[in-house]
N, C-alpha and C. Protein backbone atom coordinates (compact mmCIF):
# COMPACT_ATOMS: atom_id res chain seq x y z
N MET A 1 102.35 107.12 117.36
CA MET A 1 102.85 106.18 118.46
C MET A 1 101.01 104.71 118.24
N ILE A 2 100.30 103.75 117.82
CA ILE A 2 99.45 103.25 118.09
C ILE A 2 98.87 102.77 120.29
N ALA A 3 98.19 102.93 120.37
CA ALA A 3 98.07 103.02 122.04
C ALA A 3 96.89 101.19 122.54
N LEU A 4 96.08 102.07 121.01
CA LEU A 4 95.51 100.25 120.60
C LEU A 4 95.50 100.16 119.54
N ALA A 5 95.39 98.44 118.99
CA ALA A 5 95.69 98.05 117.76
C ALA A 5 94.06 96.72 117.94
N GLU A 6 92.98 97.48 117.49
CA GLU A 6 91.50 96.17 117.77
C GLU A 6 91.11 95.87 116.42
N PRO A 7 90.29 94.82 116.75
CA PRO A 7 89.98 95.32 114.83
C PRO A 7 88.88 95.82 114.18
N SER A 8 88.13 96.58 115.42
CA SER A 8 87.32 97.14 115.13
C SER A 8 87.77 99.19 115.63
N ARG A 9 88.79 99.46 115.77
CA ARG A 9 88.94 100.66 116.34
C ARG A 9 90.77 100.51 116.99
N LEU A 10 90.68 101.23 116.06
CA LEU A 10 92.81 101.68 116.65
C LEU A 10 92.71 103.32 117.21
N ILE A 11 93.51 103.44 118.11
CA ILE A 11 93.44 104.40 119.06
C ILE A 11 94.83 105.24 118.71
N ILE A 12 95.61 106.26 118.60
CA ILE A 12 96.81 106.77 118.08
C ILE A 12 96.63 107.55 119.08
N LEU A 13 98.51 107.94 119.85
CA LEU A 13 98.70 109.48 120.62
C LEU A 13 99.16 110.26 119.79
N ILE A 14 99.86 110.81 119.41
CA ILE A 14 100.14 112.08 118.44
C ILE A 14 100.71 113.18 119.78
N PRO A 15 102.51 113.48 118.94
CA PRO A 15 103.03 114.19 120.60
C PRO A 15 102.34 114.95 120.66
N ALA A 16 102.37 115.80 121.52
CA ALA A 16 101.94 116.54 121.96
C ALA A 16 101.99 118.34 121.29
N ASP A 17 104.02 118.50 120.91
CA ASP A 17 104.11 118.85 119.84
C ASP A 17 104.01 119.15 118.93
N LEU A 18 103.56 118.30 118.10
CA LEU A 18 103.08 118.30 116.84
C LEU A 18 102.43 119.37 116.18
N ASP A 19 102.98 120.48 115.57
CA ASP A 19 102.48 121.53 114.69
C ASP A 19 100.65 121.48 114.40
N ASP A 20 100.31 122.32 114.72
CA ASP A 20 98.59 122.57 114.13
C ASP A 20 98.66 122.71 112.77
N GLY A 21 97.27 121.74 111.98
CA GLY A 21 97.89 121.78 110.80
C GLY A 21 96.27 120.89 110.74
N GLU A 22 96.68 120.70 108.94
CA GLU A 22 95.93 119.35 108.59
C GLU A 22 96.76 118.55 107.80
N TYR A 23 96.40 117.19 108.37
CA TYR A 23 97.65 115.40 108.71
C TYR A 23 96.30 114.92 107.40
N THR A 24 97.50 113.89 107.18
CA THR A 24 96.17 112.80 105.90
C THR A 24 96.79 111.22 106.91
N LEU A 25 96.10 110.78 107.80
CA LEU A 25 95.72 109.18 108.48
C LEU A 25 95.82 108.15 107.52
N THR A 26 96.70 107.12 107.45
CA THR A 26 96.76 106.12 106.78
C THR A 26 96.98 105.07 106.90
N VAL A 27 95.96 104.52 107.68
CA VAL A 27 95.84 102.88 107.76
C VAL A 27 96.09 102.19 106.30
N THR A 28 96.82 100.66 106.25
CA THR A 28 97.25 99.59 106.05
C THR A 28 97.22 98.28 106.72
N THR A 29 96.24 97.62 106.09
CA THR A 29 95.80 96.35 106.82
C THR A 29 95.49 94.93 105.56
N GLN A 30 96.64 93.64 106.12
CA GLN A 30 96.22 92.53 105.62
C GLN A 30 94.14 91.78 106.35
N TYR A 31 94.49 92.58 107.80
CA TYR A 31 93.50 91.38 108.59
C TYR A 31 92.52 91.36 108.11
N LYS A 32 92.26 90.54 108.08
CA LYS A 32 90.58 89.65 107.24
C LYS A 32 90.11 89.80 108.61
N GLY A 33 90.25 88.72 109.76
CA GLY A 33 88.49 88.61 110.61
C GLY A 33 89.30 87.48 111.65
N THR A 34 90.20 87.16 111.17
CA THR A 34 91.11 85.78 111.91
C THR A 34 92.23 85.77 111.83
N SER A 35 92.65 85.28 113.20
CA SER A 35 93.58 85.17 113.64
C SER A 35 94.82 84.94 112.74
N ASN A 36 94.29 83.89 111.70
CA ASN A 36 95.36 83.33 111.00
C ASN A 36 95.06 83.47 109.38
N ASP A 37 93.77 84.25 109.49
CA ASP A 37 93.98 84.88 108.42
C ASP A 37 93.49 86.06 107.43
N TYR A 38 94.08 86.28 106.58
CA TYR A 38 94.46 87.26 106.14
C TYR A 38 93.81 88.06 104.39
N PHE A 39 94.14 89.29 103.84
CA PHE A 39 94.43 89.44 102.10
C PHE A 39 95.12 89.48 101.37
N LYS A 40 95.40 88.64 100.84
CA LYS A 40 96.84 88.38 99.95
C LYS A 40 97.69 89.83 99.62
N THR A 41 96.53 90.68 99.37
CA THR A 41 96.69 92.24 99.61
C THR A 41 97.07 93.10 100.06
N PRO A 42 97.64 93.93 101.30
CA PRO A 42 96.99 95.26 101.67
C PRO A 42 95.37 96.23 100.84
N ARG A 43 94.81 96.44 102.09
CA ARG A 43 93.97 97.28 101.89
C ARG A 43 93.93 98.13 103.32
N SER A 44 93.95 99.27 101.68
CA SER A 44 94.54 100.67 103.07
C SER A 44 93.17 102.07 102.99
N THR A 45 92.88 101.98 103.83
CA THR A 45 92.13 103.81 104.02
C THR A 45 92.89 104.61 105.14
N SER A 46 92.72 106.41 104.17
CA SER A 46 92.52 107.57 104.55
C SER A 46 91.54 108.19 105.03
N GLN A 47 92.30 109.27 106.72
CA GLN A 47 91.01 109.84 106.39
C GLN A 47 92.07 111.33 106.52
N THR A 48 91.85 112.80 106.71
CA THR A 48 91.71 113.74 106.83
C THR A 48 91.79 114.03 108.39
N ILE A 49 92.97 114.23 109.57
CA ILE A 49 92.73 115.17 110.19
C ILE A 49 92.97 116.09 110.81
N TYR A 50 92.69 117.11 112.04
CA TYR A 50 93.17 118.20 112.41
C TYR A 50 93.48 118.73 112.98
N VAL A 51 94.56 118.93 113.62
CA VAL A 51 95.04 119.61 114.48
C VAL A 51 95.35 120.48 114.88
N GLY A 52 94.31 120.68 116.07
CA GLY A 52 94.28 122.53 116.78
C GLY A 52 93.22 122.60 116.30
N GLY A 53 91.94 121.78 115.72
CA GLY A 53 90.72 122.47 114.45
C GLY A 53 90.79 121.98 113.11
N ALA A 54 90.04 121.74 113.06
CA ALA A 54 89.30 122.33 111.25
C ALA A 54 89.35 123.67 111.68
N PRO A 55 89.66 124.37 110.45
CA PRO A 55 89.59 125.67 109.34
C PRO A 55 88.52 126.19 109.21
N GLN A 56 87.08 126.85 109.58
CA GLN A 56 86.91 127.51 109.24
C GLN A 56 86.92 128.24 107.93
N THR A 57 85.26 127.26 107.67
CA THR A 57 84.97 127.65 105.62
C THR A 57 83.87 128.47 105.30
N PRO A 58 84.03 129.63 104.93
CA PRO A 58 82.28 129.92 105.28
C PRO A 58 80.80 129.97 104.95
N GLY A 59 80.34 129.79 105.82
CA GLY A 59 78.31 129.66 105.45
C GLY A 59 79.02 127.80 106.57
N THR A 60 79.69 127.88 106.81
CA THR A 60 79.15 126.37 108.04
C THR A 60 79.29 126.57 109.55
N GLY A 61 79.63 128.32 109.15
CA GLY A 61 79.05 128.10 110.92
C GLY A 61 80.09 127.84 111.87
N SER A 62 80.04 127.10 113.36
CA SER A 62 80.71 127.14 114.35
C SER A 62 81.39 125.14 114.45
N GLY A 63 80.64 124.84 113.01
CA GLY A 63 81.32 123.42 112.71
C GLY A 63 81.00 122.83 113.58
N GLY A 64 80.32 121.24 113.31
CA GLY A 64 79.65 120.03 114.06
C GLY A 64 78.86 119.35 113.48
N GLY A 65 78.87 118.50 112.73
CA GLY A 65 77.39 118.43 112.76
C GLY A 65 77.04 117.78 113.42
N ALA A 66 75.55 117.11 113.50
CA ALA A 66 75.20 116.03 113.62
C ALA A 66 75.61 114.30 113.45
N GLY A 67 75.44 113.96 114.46
CA GLY A 67 77.10 112.77 114.33
C GLY A 67 78.21 112.50 114.29
N GLU A 68 78.85 114.11 114.61
CA GLU A 68 79.92 114.09 114.98
C GLU A 68 79.87 113.63 116.96
N SER A 69 81.24 113.32 116.78
CA SER A 69 81.31 113.36 118.89
C SER A 69 83.20 113.77 118.91
N GLU A 70 83.62 113.86 120.67
CA GLU A 70 84.38 114.56 120.62
C GLU A 70 85.83 113.11 119.98
N GLU A 71 85.40 111.86 120.15
CA GLU A 71 86.55 110.50 120.00
C GLU A 71 86.64 111.29 118.21
N GLY A 72 85.24 111.32 117.69
CA GLY A 72 85.98 111.85 116.36
C GLY A 72 85.58 110.40 115.77
N SER A 73 85.28 110.11 114.44
CA SER A 73 85.14 108.14 114.47
C SER A 73 86.51 108.20 112.65
N PHE A 74 86.33 106.97 112.19
CA PHE A 74 87.49 106.99 110.91
C PHE A 74 87.00 105.38 110.41
N GLY A 75 86.24 106.51 109.45
CA GLY A 75 86.15 105.01 107.94
C GLY A 75 84.90 106.16 107.35
């Protein structure tokens, strides 16, 4: 469910009973920047998200590098 949709941020709520795992979030929009101005063709961006934590990759330590925040980022 979309909880907040603004030009510069999108907040979604996921069901509490969603199985742990890897998911792909894709956002598609035609919004261009003003209320009456739209791109002719939709634009999409995708991001891999992990529910229950990202899997450990050998050699990466405990995860979480510089610049990562609790809220995460999209883009």
